[in-house]
Every structure is written in structure tokens, then in C-alpha cells.
């Protein structure tokens, strides 16, 4: 899907030019500004979008018990000392260059995401409010396309925990390899739960 002009600051679904300051969040990327994604070292590079804009209302009682406030679960250390978002970032960085990760956020969570380690302001895509997953995914992909038209992109949730992280990494590596070797448009896979064991399984692919 060809991207409409972003660098020329023409609107793309309500989004305009790169890194435009917005009030206190001048250092952040907002939905009124195309996200500034670090340039890929070569075309066809690996990129990742870690979805971190959810409100986490279903687990709010638990996160309030652990942290004493109403933070979404991705900013809470539910398992171990690190937040779920930090665990997800570190997991993704095993397969994707850290500078080629983007993080869609929601502005009302600013007090929490500004404390997250390892995420530069230029990697944040800040939404005025939580509008689901489709808008930040599209916005991220349009930004990445401006840097690398042949990029292979992994879309990752930030609020999952994996007991066997090596299995997750192997599955992600496999998905990248399939995408490169078959030159497919997309390849989806999911974590399937069978009894008490979790297994990574491919779902489908779409050839050009």
C-alpha cells in the first residue's frame, strides 16, 4: 500500500508532518505528527511495532493492588521486577534492532510511559486517546515505509507473558525468515494454548 505524502506535511488520516512539537510533549511523536522512525541501515530491514496504548481496565484491580494506582497492565511489574512493556521490548530486541522499534502510546498514560526504560521519545507514537489497534498500526506502517519501503514488520502486543521465551524468539525468527524467503505480504502466527502448555503456531500467509 503506497503511503500518501507525509514528509510534505499533507494529512494522512488526520496525521501531518514529522516531529511537530505539541505542548509539553514536544519531544514525543503525536498522532498529529508522523512518527520519526530511525532509518534502516539497509532496505528490507526488520522493524517492530509494540502496541502499548491499551487502558488495561480488566486488570485494574490487580494493578492497583500491586502499584497503588490505576496504571494499565503494560506499565505494571505483574511478573518479576520489570513491567510487561519492558519485558516485551527486551524480548523484541533479540530479533529486531532497538532503534527500529516503535511504541504506540496513549497520552493519558504519560506519567507511566515516560518512566519506561529503553524507549526514546522519538520512538513513541502518542495518541490523544485509545482508539484501538488499527490506527496506531497503520500510522506506524506509514512511517516505517518512509524509511524502508521493503521493511518486514512484526506487530507485537505488550501485555503478554511467556514462560518459554526461547520458543517465542524462535517463532519470531521463523516468521521473519518465511517473510524474506517467500517474499510474502504478510505472515501471521499466534500463541496456542493446549492444556497447560503453550505452543507457537503459524496461521496463514498471503503471496503477492
N, C-alpha and C. Protein backbone atom coordinates (compact mmCIF):
# COMPACT_ATOMS: atom_id res chain seq x y z
N UNK A 1 0.85 -1.19 0.00
CA UNK A 1 0.00 0.00 0.00
C UNK A 1 0.88 1.23 0.00
N UNK A 2 0.88 2.05 -1.06
CA UNK A 2 1.72 3.23 -1.10
C UNK A 2 1.27 4.25 -0.08
N UNK A 3 2.24 4.87 0.57
CA UNK A 3 1.90 5.87 1.59
C UNK A 3 1.62 7.20 0.92
N UNK A 4 0.64 7.91 1.43
CA UNK A 4 0.42 9.27 0.99
C UNK A 4 1.53 10.14 1.57
N UNK A 5 1.70 11.33 1.01
CA UNK A 5 2.82 12.16 1.39
C UNK A 5 2.77 12.55 2.85
N UNK A 6 3.84 12.21 3.58
CA UNK A 6 3.93 12.58 4.99
C UNK A 6 4.97 13.67 5.17
N UNK A 7 6.14 13.49 4.54
CA UNK A 7 7.21 14.46 4.73
C UNK A 7 6.81 15.85 4.29
N UNK A 8 5.88 15.95 3.32
CA UNK A 8 5.41 17.25 2.87
C UNK A 8 4.32 17.81 3.75
N UNK A 9 4.08 17.13 4.89
CA UNK A 9 3.11 17.59 5.87
C UNK A 9 1.69 17.67 5.33
N UNK A 10 1.36 16.78 4.41
CA UNK A 10 -0.02 16.65 3.98
C UNK A 10 -0.71 15.63 4.87
N UNK A 11 -1.94 15.88 5.27
CA UNK A 11 -2.61 14.98 6.22
C UNK A 11 -2.74 13.57 5.67
N UNK A 12 -2.54 12.60 6.54
CA UNK A 12 -2.81 11.20 6.23
C UNK A 12 -3.72 10.71 7.34
N UNK A 13 -5.02 10.75 7.09
CA UNK A 13 -5.96 10.34 8.12
C UNK A 13 -5.86 11.17 9.38
N UNK A 14 -5.65 12.50 9.21
CA UNK A 14 -5.54 13.38 10.36
C UNK A 14 -4.12 13.52 10.87
N UNK A 15 -3.14 12.91 10.20
CA UNK A 15 -1.75 12.99 10.63
C UNK A 15 -0.97 13.88 9.68
N UNK A 16 -0.08 14.70 10.23
CA UNK A 16 0.71 15.59 9.39
C UNK A 16 2.19 15.38 9.63
N UNK A 17 3.00 16.38 9.29
CA UNK A 17 4.45 16.22 9.19
C UNK A 17 5.18 15.70 10.40
N UNK A 18 6.47 15.35 10.23
CA UNK A 18 7.24 14.64 11.24
C UNK A 18 7.64 15.50 12.43
N UNK A 19 7.57 14.92 13.62
CA UNK A 19 8.11 15.50 14.85
C UNK A 19 7.67 16.93 15.11
N UNK A 20 6.40 17.22 14.90
CA UNK A 20 5.91 18.57 15.18
C UNK A 20 5.63 18.69 16.66
N UNK A 21 6.22 19.68 17.36
CA UNK A 21 6.01 19.81 18.81
C UNK A 21 4.55 20.05 19.14
N UNK A 22 4.11 19.44 20.24
CA UNK A 22 2.75 19.65 20.74
C UNK A 22 2.83 19.87 22.24
N UNK A 23 2.77 21.14 22.66
CA UNK A 23 2.76 21.46 24.08
C UNK A 23 3.90 20.81 24.84
N UNK A 24 3.57 20.23 26.01
CA UNK A 24 4.56 19.62 26.88
C UNK A 24 5.20 18.42 26.23
N UNK A 25 4.54 17.84 25.21
CA UNK A 25 5.04 16.62 24.62
C UNK A 25 5.82 16.91 23.34
N UNK A 26 6.54 18.05 23.33
CA UNK A 26 7.26 18.45 22.13
C UNK A 26 8.29 17.42 21.72
N UNK A 27 8.83 16.68 22.70
CA UNK A 27 9.86 15.69 22.38
C UNK A 27 9.27 14.38 21.92
N UNK A 28 7.97 14.24 22.02
CA UNK A 28 7.32 13.00 21.65
C UNK A 28 6.70 13.11 20.27
N UNK A 29 6.39 11.99 19.70
CA UNK A 29 5.67 11.95 18.44
C UNK A 29 4.20 11.79 18.74
N UNK A 30 3.37 12.64 18.14
CA UNK A 30 1.95 12.58 18.41
C UNK A 30 1.21 12.19 17.14
N UNK A 31 -0.06 11.80 17.26
CA UNK A 31 -0.82 11.44 16.06
C UNK A 31 -0.97 12.58 15.08
N UNK A 32 -0.73 13.82 15.49
CA UNK A 32 -0.77 14.92 14.55
C UNK A 32 0.58 15.12 13.90
N UNK A 33 1.52 14.19 14.17
CA UNK A 33 2.83 14.27 13.56
C UNK A 33 3.28 12.86 13.20
N UNK A 34 3.78 12.69 12.00
CA UNK A 34 4.23 11.36 11.60
C UNK A 34 5.39 10.94 12.46
N UNK A 35 5.40 9.71 12.99
CA UNK A 35 6.45 9.28 13.88
C UNK A 35 7.81 9.27 13.20
N UNK A 36 8.83 9.69 13.94
CA UNK A 36 10.18 9.70 13.41
C UNK A 36 10.83 8.36 13.72
N UNK A 37 10.84 7.47 12.75
CA UNK A 37 11.45 6.16 12.94
C UNK A 37 12.87 6.21 12.47
N UNK A 38 13.78 5.61 13.22
CA UNK A 38 15.18 5.61 12.84
C UNK A 38 15.37 4.94 11.48
N UNK A 39 16.23 5.51 10.66
CA UNK A 39 16.43 4.99 9.32
C UNK A 39 17.05 3.60 9.37
N UNK A 40 16.57 2.73 8.51
CA UNK A 40 17.10 1.37 8.45
C UNK A 40 18.47 1.39 7.80
N UNK A 41 19.39 0.55 8.25
CA UNK A 41 20.73 0.51 7.71
C UNK A 41 20.73 0.00 6.27
N UNK A 42 19.76 -0.83 5.89
CA UNK A 42 19.64 -1.32 4.54
C UNK A 42 18.17 -1.67 4.29
N UNK A 43 17.75 -1.62 3.01
CA UNK A 43 16.34 -1.90 2.72
C UNK A 43 15.97 -3.32 3.10
N UNK A 44 14.69 -3.52 3.41
CA UNK A 44 14.24 -4.83 3.80
C UNK A 44 14.62 -5.21 5.21
N UNK A 45 14.86 -4.20 6.04
CA UNK A 45 15.27 -4.47 7.42
C UNK A 45 14.12 -4.92 8.29
N UNK A 46 14.46 -5.43 9.46
CA UNK A 46 13.45 -5.85 10.43
C UNK A 46 13.00 -4.65 11.26
N UNK A 47 11.71 -4.52 11.40
CA UNK A 47 11.12 -3.47 12.21
C UNK A 47 10.08 -4.10 13.13
N UNK A 48 9.74 -3.38 14.19
CA UNK A 48 8.72 -3.86 15.10
C UNK A 48 7.83 -2.74 15.60
N UNK A 49 6.57 -3.04 15.80
CA UNK A 49 5.61 -2.11 16.40
C UNK A 49 5.06 -2.80 17.64
N UNK A 50 5.34 -2.23 18.80
CA UNK A 50 4.87 -2.80 20.06
C UNK A 50 3.68 -1.99 20.55
N UNK A 51 2.51 -2.59 20.51
CA UNK A 51 1.26 -1.90 20.84
C UNK A 51 1.16 -1.72 22.36
N UNK A 52 1.19 -0.47 22.80
CA UNK A 52 1.23 -0.19 24.24
C UNK A 52 0.24 0.90 24.65
N UNK A 53 -0.86 1.02 23.91
CA UNK A 53 -1.80 2.10 24.20
C UNK A 53 -3.08 1.68 24.89
N UNK A 54 -3.17 0.39 25.28
CA UNK A 54 -4.38 -0.09 25.92
C UNK A 54 -4.59 0.47 27.31
N UNK A 55 -5.85 0.48 27.76
CA UNK A 55 -6.18 1.05 29.07
C UNK A 55 -6.11 0.03 30.20
N UNK A 56 -6.12 -1.25 29.87
CA UNK A 56 -5.95 -2.28 30.89
C UNK A 56 -7.02 -2.29 31.97
N UNK A 57 -8.25 -1.99 31.61
CA UNK A 57 -9.30 -1.87 32.63
C UNK A 57 -9.65 -3.20 33.28
N UNK A 58 -9.52 -4.29 32.54
CA UNK A 58 -9.93 -5.59 33.10
C UNK A 58 -9.05 -6.04 34.26
N UNK A 59 -7.79 -5.60 34.28
CA UNK A 59 -6.88 -5.99 35.35
C UNK A 59 -6.60 -4.83 36.31
N UNK A 60 -7.44 -3.81 36.27
CA UNK A 60 -7.17 -2.61 37.05
C UNK A 60 -7.13 -2.88 38.55
N UNK A 61 -7.98 -3.77 39.03
CA UNK A 61 -7.95 -4.08 40.46
C UNK A 61 -6.62 -4.69 40.87
N UNK A 62 -6.08 -5.55 40.02
CA UNK A 62 -4.80 -6.19 40.31
C UNK A 62 -3.65 -5.20 40.22
N UNK A 63 -3.63 -4.38 39.17
CA UNK A 63 -2.54 -3.42 39.04
C UNK A 63 -2.58 -2.36 40.15
N UNK A 64 -3.79 -2.01 40.60
CA UNK A 64 -3.91 -1.08 41.72
C UNK A 64 -3.37 -1.70 43.00
N UNK A 65 -3.62 -2.99 43.16
CA UNK A 65 -3.11 -3.70 44.34
C UNK A 65 -1.58 -3.74 44.34
N UNK A 66 -0.99 -3.94 43.16
CA UNK A 66 0.47 -4.06 43.06
C UNK A 66 1.16 -2.70 43.12
N UNK A 67 0.61 -1.72 42.38
CA UNK A 67 1.30 -0.44 42.22
C UNK A 67 0.65 0.72 42.99
N UNK A 68 -0.58 0.55 43.45
CA UNK A 68 -1.25 1.60 44.21
C UNK A 68 -1.88 2.68 43.37
N UNK A 69 -1.99 2.45 42.05
CA UNK A 69 -2.64 3.43 41.18
C UNK A 69 -3.35 2.69 40.05
N UNK A 70 -3.94 3.46 39.13
CA UNK A 70 -4.75 2.87 38.08
C UNK A 70 -4.00 2.71 36.76
N UNK A 71 -2.73 2.41 36.82
CA UNK A 71 -1.94 2.28 35.60
C UNK A 71 -2.40 1.06 34.80
N UNK A 72 -2.31 1.13 33.46
CA UNK A 72 -2.60 -0.04 32.63
C UNK A 72 -1.58 -1.14 32.90
N UNK A 73 -1.96 -2.37 32.62
CA UNK A 73 -1.12 -3.51 33.00
C UNK A 73 0.24 -3.52 32.33
N UNK A 74 0.38 -2.90 31.14
CA UNK A 74 1.68 -2.92 30.47
C UNK A 74 2.74 -2.13 31.23
N UNK A 75 2.31 -1.25 32.12
CA UNK A 75 3.25 -0.46 32.91
C UNK A 75 3.41 -1.00 34.33
N UNK A 76 2.94 -2.21 34.53
CA UNK A 76 2.96 -2.82 35.86
C UNK A 76 3.88 -4.04 35.86
N UNK A 77 4.70 -4.21 36.91
CA UNK A 77 5.53 -5.41 37.03
C UNK A 77 4.72 -6.57 37.57
N UNK A 78 3.87 -7.13 36.74
CA UNK A 78 2.99 -8.22 37.19
C UNK A 78 3.79 -9.47 37.54
N UNK A 79 4.83 -9.74 36.75
CA UNK A 79 5.66 -10.94 36.96
C UNK A 79 7.12 -10.50 36.93
N UNK A 80 7.79 -10.58 38.07
CA UNK A 80 9.16 -10.14 38.16
C UNK A 80 9.26 -8.65 38.45
N UNK A 81 10.47 -8.11 38.31
CA UNK A 81 10.73 -6.70 38.66
C UNK A 81 10.48 -5.75 37.50
N UNK A 82 10.39 -6.27 36.27
CA UNK A 82 10.22 -5.43 35.10
C UNK A 82 8.74 -5.35 34.71
N UNK A 83 8.36 -4.22 34.11
CA UNK A 83 7.00 -4.09 33.62
C UNK A 83 6.81 -5.01 32.41
N UNK A 84 5.55 -5.30 32.09
CA UNK A 84 5.28 -6.12 30.92
C UNK A 84 5.81 -5.47 29.65
N UNK A 85 5.74 -4.14 29.58
CA UNK A 85 6.25 -3.45 28.40
C UNK A 85 7.76 -3.58 28.30
N UNK A 86 8.45 -3.47 29.41
CA UNK A 86 9.91 -3.62 29.39
C UNK A 86 10.30 -5.03 28.99
N UNK A 87 9.58 -6.01 29.49
CA UNK A 87 9.85 -7.40 29.11
C UNK A 87 9.63 -7.60 27.61
N UNK A 88 8.57 -7.00 27.09
CA UNK A 88 8.27 -7.12 25.67
C UNK A 88 9.35 -6.47 24.82
N UNK A 89 9.79 -5.28 25.23
CA UNK A 89 10.86 -4.58 24.49
C UNK A 89 12.13 -5.42 24.44
N UNK A 90 12.53 -5.94 25.59
CA UNK A 90 13.75 -6.74 25.63
C UNK A 90 13.62 -8.00 24.80
N UNK A 91 12.42 -8.59 24.80
CA UNK A 91 12.18 -9.79 24.01
C UNK A 91 12.28 -9.48 22.51
N UNK A 92 11.70 -8.34 22.12
CA UNK A 92 11.72 -7.96 20.71
C UNK A 92 13.13 -7.63 20.25
N UNK A 93 13.93 -7.04 21.12
CA UNK A 93 15.29 -6.63 20.75
C UNK A 93 16.21 -7.81 20.47
N UNK A 94 15.80 -9.01 20.80
CA UNK A 94 16.60 -10.18 20.44
C UNK A 94 16.55 -10.44 18.94
N UNK A 95 15.50 -9.95 18.28
CA UNK A 95 15.32 -10.21 16.85
C UNK A 95 15.29 -8.94 16.01
N UNK A 96 15.05 -7.79 16.64
CA UNK A 96 14.86 -6.54 15.91
C UNK A 96 15.79 -5.48 16.49
N UNK A 97 16.49 -4.69 15.65
CA UNK A 97 17.33 -3.61 16.18
C UNK A 97 16.51 -2.66 17.04
N UNK A 98 17.06 -2.28 18.18
CA UNK A 98 16.29 -1.46 19.13
C UNK A 98 15.83 -0.15 18.52
N UNK A 99 16.64 0.44 17.62
CA UNK A 99 16.27 1.72 17.02
C UNK A 99 15.18 1.56 15.97
N UNK A 100 14.80 0.33 15.65
CA UNK A 100 13.75 0.10 14.66
C UNK A 100 12.50 -0.48 15.30
N UNK A 101 12.28 -0.07 16.55
CA UNK A 101 11.05 -0.41 17.27
C UNK A 101 10.25 0.86 17.50
N UNK A 102 8.94 0.82 17.26
CA UNK A 102 8.04 1.93 17.53
C UNK A 102 7.03 1.50 18.59
N UNK A 103 6.58 2.48 19.39
CA UNK A 103 5.71 2.18 20.53
C UNK A 103 4.49 3.10 20.53
N UNK A 104 3.37 2.67 19.97
CA UNK A 104 2.14 3.45 20.09
C UNK A 104 1.69 3.54 21.55
N UNK A 105 1.43 4.76 22.03
CA UNK A 105 1.02 5.01 23.41
C UNK A 105 -0.26 5.85 23.41
N UNK A 106 -0.82 6.04 24.60
CA UNK A 106 -1.98 6.91 24.77
C UNK A 106 -1.60 8.05 25.72
N UNK A 107 -1.96 9.27 25.35
CA UNK A 107 -1.49 10.45 26.07
C UNK A 107 -1.82 10.43 27.55
N UNK A 108 -2.98 9.90 27.91
CA UNK A 108 -3.36 9.89 29.33
C UNK A 108 -2.45 9.00 30.17
N UNK A 109 -1.62 8.18 29.54
CA UNK A 109 -0.70 7.30 30.26
C UNK A 109 0.70 7.90 30.37
N UNK A 110 0.83 9.20 30.09
CA UNK A 110 2.14 9.84 30.02
C UNK A 110 2.96 9.66 31.29
N UNK A 111 2.34 9.77 32.44
CA UNK A 111 3.08 9.64 33.70
C UNK A 111 3.74 8.27 33.83
N UNK A 112 3.19 7.29 33.13
CA UNK A 112 3.72 5.93 33.23
C UNK A 112 4.72 5.64 32.12
N UNK A 113 4.40 5.99 30.87
CA UNK A 113 5.31 5.63 29.79
C UNK A 113 6.60 6.45 29.79
N UNK A 114 6.57 7.64 30.38
CA UNK A 114 7.79 8.43 30.46
C UNK A 114 8.83 7.81 31.41
N UNK A 115 8.38 6.91 32.26
CA UNK A 115 9.29 6.25 33.19
C UNK A 115 9.85 4.94 32.64
N UNK A 116 9.35 4.52 31.47
CA UNK A 116 9.81 3.26 30.89
C UNK A 116 11.24 3.40 30.37
N UNK A 117 12.08 2.47 30.73
CA UNK A 117 13.47 2.49 30.30
C UNK A 117 13.61 1.95 28.88
N UNK A 118 14.63 2.43 28.18
CA UNK A 118 14.97 1.88 26.88
C UNK A 118 14.13 2.35 25.72
N UNK A 119 13.23 3.32 25.94
CA UNK A 119 12.38 3.84 24.87
C UNK A 119 12.66 5.33 24.72
N UNK A 120 13.19 5.73 23.57
CA UNK A 120 13.46 7.14 23.33
C UNK A 120 12.17 7.87 22.95
N UNK A 121 12.07 9.17 23.26
CA UNK A 121 10.86 9.92 22.90
C UNK A 121 10.52 9.81 21.42
N UNK A 122 11.54 9.76 20.54
CA UNK A 122 11.28 9.70 19.10
C UNK A 122 10.67 8.37 18.68
N UNK A 123 10.67 7.38 19.56
CA UNK A 123 10.08 6.08 19.23
C UNK A 123 8.62 5.99 19.65
N UNK A 124 8.14 6.96 20.41
CA UNK A 124 6.77 6.93 20.87
C UNK A 124 5.82 7.51 19.82
N UNK A 125 4.68 6.87 19.67
CA UNK A 125 3.60 7.38 18.84
C UNK A 125 2.44 7.63 19.79
N UNK A 126 2.20 8.89 20.12
CA UNK A 126 1.25 9.22 21.19
C UNK A 126 -0.11 9.59 20.61
N UNK A 127 -1.13 8.80 20.97
CA UNK A 127 -2.50 9.06 20.56
C UNK A 127 -3.19 9.97 21.58
N UNK A 128 -4.09 10.86 21.13
CA UNK A 128 -4.85 11.66 22.10
C UNK A 128 -5.70 10.79 23.01
N UNK A 129 -6.20 9.69 22.47
CA UNK A 129 -7.00 8.75 23.26
C UNK A 129 -6.88 7.38 22.63
N UNK A 130 -7.27 6.36 23.37
CA UNK A 130 -7.18 5.00 22.88
C UNK A 130 -8.27 4.73 21.83
N UNK A 131 -7.86 4.50 20.60
CA UNK A 131 -8.81 4.24 19.51
C UNK A 131 -8.68 2.82 18.98
N UNK A 132 -8.17 1.92 19.81
CA UNK A 132 -7.99 0.55 19.35
C UNK A 132 -6.63 0.36 18.69
N UNK A 133 -6.48 -0.76 18.02
CA UNK A 133 -5.17 -1.11 17.48
C UNK A 133 -4.97 -0.67 16.03
N UNK A 134 -6.04 -0.57 15.24
CA UNK A 134 -5.88 -0.29 13.81
C UNK A 134 -5.19 1.06 13.53
N UNK A 135 -5.64 2.19 14.12
CA UNK A 135 -4.99 3.47 13.79
C UNK A 135 -3.49 3.49 14.09
N UNK A 136 -3.03 3.06 15.28
CA UNK A 136 -1.59 3.10 15.52
C UNK A 136 -0.81 2.14 14.63
N UNK A 137 -1.40 1.02 14.25
CA UNK A 137 -0.70 0.10 13.34
C UNK A 137 -0.51 0.76 11.98
N UNK A 138 -1.58 1.34 11.43
CA UNK A 138 -1.49 2.00 10.13
C UNK A 138 -0.50 3.16 10.18
N UNK A 139 -0.58 3.97 11.23
CA UNK A 139 0.31 5.12 11.38
C UNK A 139 1.77 4.67 11.44
N UNK A 140 2.03 3.62 12.18
CA UNK A 140 3.39 3.10 12.30
C UNK A 140 3.91 2.58 10.97
N UNK A 141 3.06 1.83 10.25
CA UNK A 141 3.49 1.26 8.98
C UNK A 141 3.77 2.35 7.95
N UNK A 142 2.97 3.40 7.94
CA UNK A 142 3.22 4.52 7.02
C UNK A 142 4.55 5.18 7.33
N UNK A 143 4.87 5.33 8.60
CA UNK A 143 6.14 5.93 8.99
C UNK A 143 7.31 5.05 8.59
N UNK A 144 7.19 3.76 8.85
CA UNK A 144 8.27 2.83 8.51
C UNK A 144 8.50 2.82 7.00
N UNK A 145 7.41 2.88 6.23
CA UNK A 145 7.54 2.87 4.77
C UNK A 145 8.35 4.05 4.27
N UNK A 146 8.27 5.18 4.97
CA UNK A 146 9.05 6.35 4.56
C UNK A 146 10.54 6.10 4.71
N UNK A 147 10.92 5.21 5.61
CA UNK A 147 12.33 4.91 5.87
C UNK A 147 12.81 3.67 5.11
N UNK A 148 11.91 2.73 4.92
CA UNK A 148 12.30 1.45 4.32
C UNK A 148 11.09 0.84 3.65
N UNK A 149 11.00 1.00 2.33
CA UNK A 149 9.83 0.51 1.59
C UNK A 149 9.75 -1.01 1.57
N UNK A 150 10.85 -1.69 1.83
CA UNK A 150 10.87 -3.15 1.79
C UNK A 150 10.94 -3.75 3.18
N UNK A 151 10.61 -2.96 4.18
CA UNK A 151 10.71 -3.43 5.57
C UNK A 151 9.81 -4.63 5.83
N UNK A 152 10.26 -5.49 6.72
CA UNK A 152 9.44 -6.58 7.23
C UNK A 152 9.13 -6.23 8.68
N UNK A 153 7.84 -6.14 9.01
CA UNK A 153 7.42 -5.57 10.28
C UNK A 153 6.69 -6.60 11.14
N UNK A 154 7.09 -6.69 12.41
CA UNK A 154 6.39 -7.53 13.37
C UNK A 154 5.51 -6.63 14.23
N UNK A 155 4.23 -6.98 14.37
CA UNK A 155 3.29 -6.26 15.23
C UNK A 155 3.14 -7.09 16.50
N UNK A 156 3.53 -6.52 17.64
CA UNK A 156 3.60 -7.28 18.88
C UNK A 156 2.77 -6.64 19.99
N UNK A 157 1.99 -7.42 20.72
CA UNK A 157 1.31 -6.90 21.91
C UNK A 157 2.32 -6.72 23.04
N UNK A 158 2.02 -5.84 23.97
CA UNK A 158 2.99 -5.56 25.04
C UNK A 158 2.58 -6.14 26.38
N UNK A 159 1.46 -6.84 26.43
CA UNK A 159 0.94 -7.25 27.73
C UNK A 159 0.85 -8.77 27.88
N UNK A 160 1.73 -9.48 27.16
CA UNK A 160 1.77 -10.93 27.27
C UNK A 160 2.99 -11.38 28.07
N UNK A 161 2.86 -12.51 28.73
CA UNK A 161 3.99 -13.11 29.43
C UNK A 161 4.24 -14.50 28.85
N UNK A 162 5.51 -14.83 28.61
CA UNK A 162 5.87 -16.12 28.05
C UNK A 162 6.81 -16.85 29.00
N UNK A 163 6.42 -18.02 29.43
CA UNK A 163 7.29 -18.82 30.29
C UNK A 163 8.50 -19.28 29.50
N UNK A 164 8.27 -19.73 28.27
CA UNK A 164 9.36 -20.18 27.40
C UNK A 164 9.66 -19.09 26.38
N UNK A 165 10.53 -18.16 26.73
CA UNK A 165 10.83 -17.05 25.84
C UNK A 165 11.67 -17.50 24.65
N UNK A 166 12.45 -18.55 24.79
CA UNK A 166 13.23 -19.06 23.67
C UNK A 166 12.31 -19.56 22.56
N UNK A 167 11.19 -20.15 22.94
CA UNK A 167 10.22 -20.61 21.95
C UNK A 167 9.63 -19.42 21.20
N UNK A 168 9.32 -18.35 21.93
CA UNK A 168 8.80 -17.15 21.29
C UNK A 168 9.81 -16.59 20.30
N UNK A 169 11.07 -16.46 20.72
CA UNK A 169 12.10 -15.90 19.85
C UNK A 169 12.29 -16.77 18.61
N UNK A 170 12.27 -18.09 18.79
CA UNK A 170 12.42 -18.99 17.65
C UNK A 170 11.27 -18.82 16.67
N UNK A 171 10.05 -18.64 17.19
CA UNK A 171 8.89 -18.47 16.33
C UNK A 171 8.97 -17.14 15.57
N UNK A 172 9.41 -16.08 16.24
CA UNK A 172 9.54 -14.78 15.58
C UNK A 172 10.62 -14.83 14.51
N UNK A 173 11.74 -15.47 14.81
CA UNK A 173 12.79 -15.63 13.82
C UNK A 173 12.28 -16.41 12.61
N UNK A 174 11.51 -17.44 12.86
CA UNK A 174 10.94 -18.24 11.78
C UNK A 174 10.00 -17.41 10.91
N UNK A 175 9.18 -16.56 11.54
CA UNK A 175 8.26 -15.71 10.78
C UNK A 175 9.02 -14.74 9.89
N UNK A 176 10.10 -14.15 10.41
CA UNK A 176 10.92 -13.25 9.59
C UNK A 176 11.53 -14.01 8.41
N UNK A 177 12.06 -15.19 8.67
CA UNK A 177 12.68 -15.98 7.61
C UNK A 177 11.69 -16.34 6.52
N UNK A 178 10.47 -16.71 6.93
CA UNK A 178 9.43 -17.04 5.95
C UNK A 178 9.09 -15.82 5.10
N UNK A 179 8.96 -14.67 5.76
CA UNK A 179 8.60 -13.45 5.04
C UNK A 179 9.67 -13.07 4.02
N UNK A 180 10.94 -13.23 4.39
CA UNK A 180 12.03 -12.90 3.47
C UNK A 180 12.13 -13.91 2.33
N UNK A 181 12.11 -15.19 2.66
CA UNK A 181 12.35 -16.22 1.65
C UNK A 181 11.21 -16.34 0.66
N UNK A 182 9.97 -16.23 1.13
CA UNK A 182 8.82 -16.38 0.25
C UNK A 182 8.35 -15.07 -0.35
N UNK A 183 8.91 -13.94 0.13
CA UNK A 183 8.52 -12.61 -0.33
C UNK A 183 7.01 -12.42 -0.23
N UNK A 184 6.47 -12.80 0.92
CA UNK A 184 5.02 -12.71 1.12
C UNK A 184 4.65 -11.34 1.66
N UNK A 185 3.39 -11.01 1.52
CA UNK A 185 2.92 -9.72 2.00
C UNK A 185 2.72 -9.73 3.51
N UNK A 186 2.24 -10.85 4.02
CA UNK A 186 2.09 -10.93 5.46
C UNK A 186 2.10 -12.39 5.90
N UNK A 187 2.50 -12.57 7.14
CA UNK A 187 2.53 -13.91 7.72
C UNK A 187 2.09 -13.78 9.16
N UNK A 188 1.02 -14.42 9.53
CA UNK A 188 0.52 -14.29 10.90
C UNK A 188 0.73 -15.58 11.66
N UNK A 189 0.98 -15.45 12.95
CA UNK A 189 1.14 -16.61 13.81
C UNK A 189 0.63 -16.23 15.19
N UNK A 190 0.37 -17.22 15.98
CA UNK A 190 -0.23 -16.95 17.28
C UNK A 190 0.24 -17.96 18.31
N UNK A 191 0.03 -17.59 19.55
CA UNK A 191 0.35 -18.48 20.66
C UNK A 191 -0.88 -19.32 20.96
N UNK A 192 -0.77 -20.60 20.75
CA UNK A 192 -1.88 -21.50 21.00
C UNK A 192 -1.68 -22.19 22.34
N UNK A 193 -2.71 -22.22 23.14
CA UNK A 193 -2.62 -22.83 24.46
C UNK A 193 -3.28 -24.20 24.44
N UNK A 194 -2.51 -25.22 24.78
CA UNK A 194 -3.03 -26.59 24.81
C UNK A 194 -2.83 -27.13 26.22
N UNK A 195 -3.92 -27.22 26.94
CA UNK A 195 -3.81 -27.66 28.33
C UNK A 195 -2.99 -26.65 29.10
N UNK A 196 -1.91 -27.10 29.72
CA UNK A 196 -1.04 -26.20 30.48
C UNK A 196 0.20 -25.81 29.69
N UNK A 197 0.30 -26.25 28.44
CA UNK A 197 1.46 -25.93 27.63
C UNK A 197 1.07 -24.94 26.54
N UNK A 198 2.03 -24.06 26.21
CA UNK A 198 1.81 -23.08 25.17
C UNK A 198 2.69 -23.43 23.98
N UNK A 199 2.16 -23.29 22.79
CA UNK A 199 2.90 -23.62 21.58
C UNK A 199 2.73 -22.51 20.56
N UNK A 200 3.84 -22.17 19.88
CA UNK A 200 3.78 -21.20 18.81
C UNK A 200 3.37 -21.92 17.54
N UNK A 201 2.43 -21.34 16.80
CA UNK A 201 1.98 -22.00 15.58
C UNK A 201 1.70 -20.98 14.49
N UNK A 202 2.12 -21.28 13.25
CA UNK A 202 1.83 -20.40 12.13
C UNK A 202 0.36 -20.52 11.76
N UNK A 203 -0.20 -19.43 11.27
CA UNK A 203 -1.62 -19.45 10.91
C UNK A 203 -1.81 -19.35 9.40
N UNK A 204 -1.26 -18.30 8.78
CA UNK A 204 -1.54 -18.13 7.35
C UNK A 204 -0.57 -17.17 6.73
N UNK A 205 -0.57 -17.13 5.40
CA UNK A 205 0.28 -16.20 4.66
C UNK A 205 -0.43 -15.78 3.39
N UNK A 206 0.04 -14.69 2.81
CA UNK A 206 -0.61 -14.15 1.61
C UNK A 206 0.48 -13.80 0.61
N UNK A 207 0.52 -14.48 -0.53
CA UNK A 207 1.53 -14.20 -1.54
C UNK A 207 1.09 -13.06 -2.42
N UNK A 208 2.05 -12.30 -2.97
CA UNK A 208 1.70 -11.18 -3.85
C UNK A 208 0.94 -11.68 -5.08
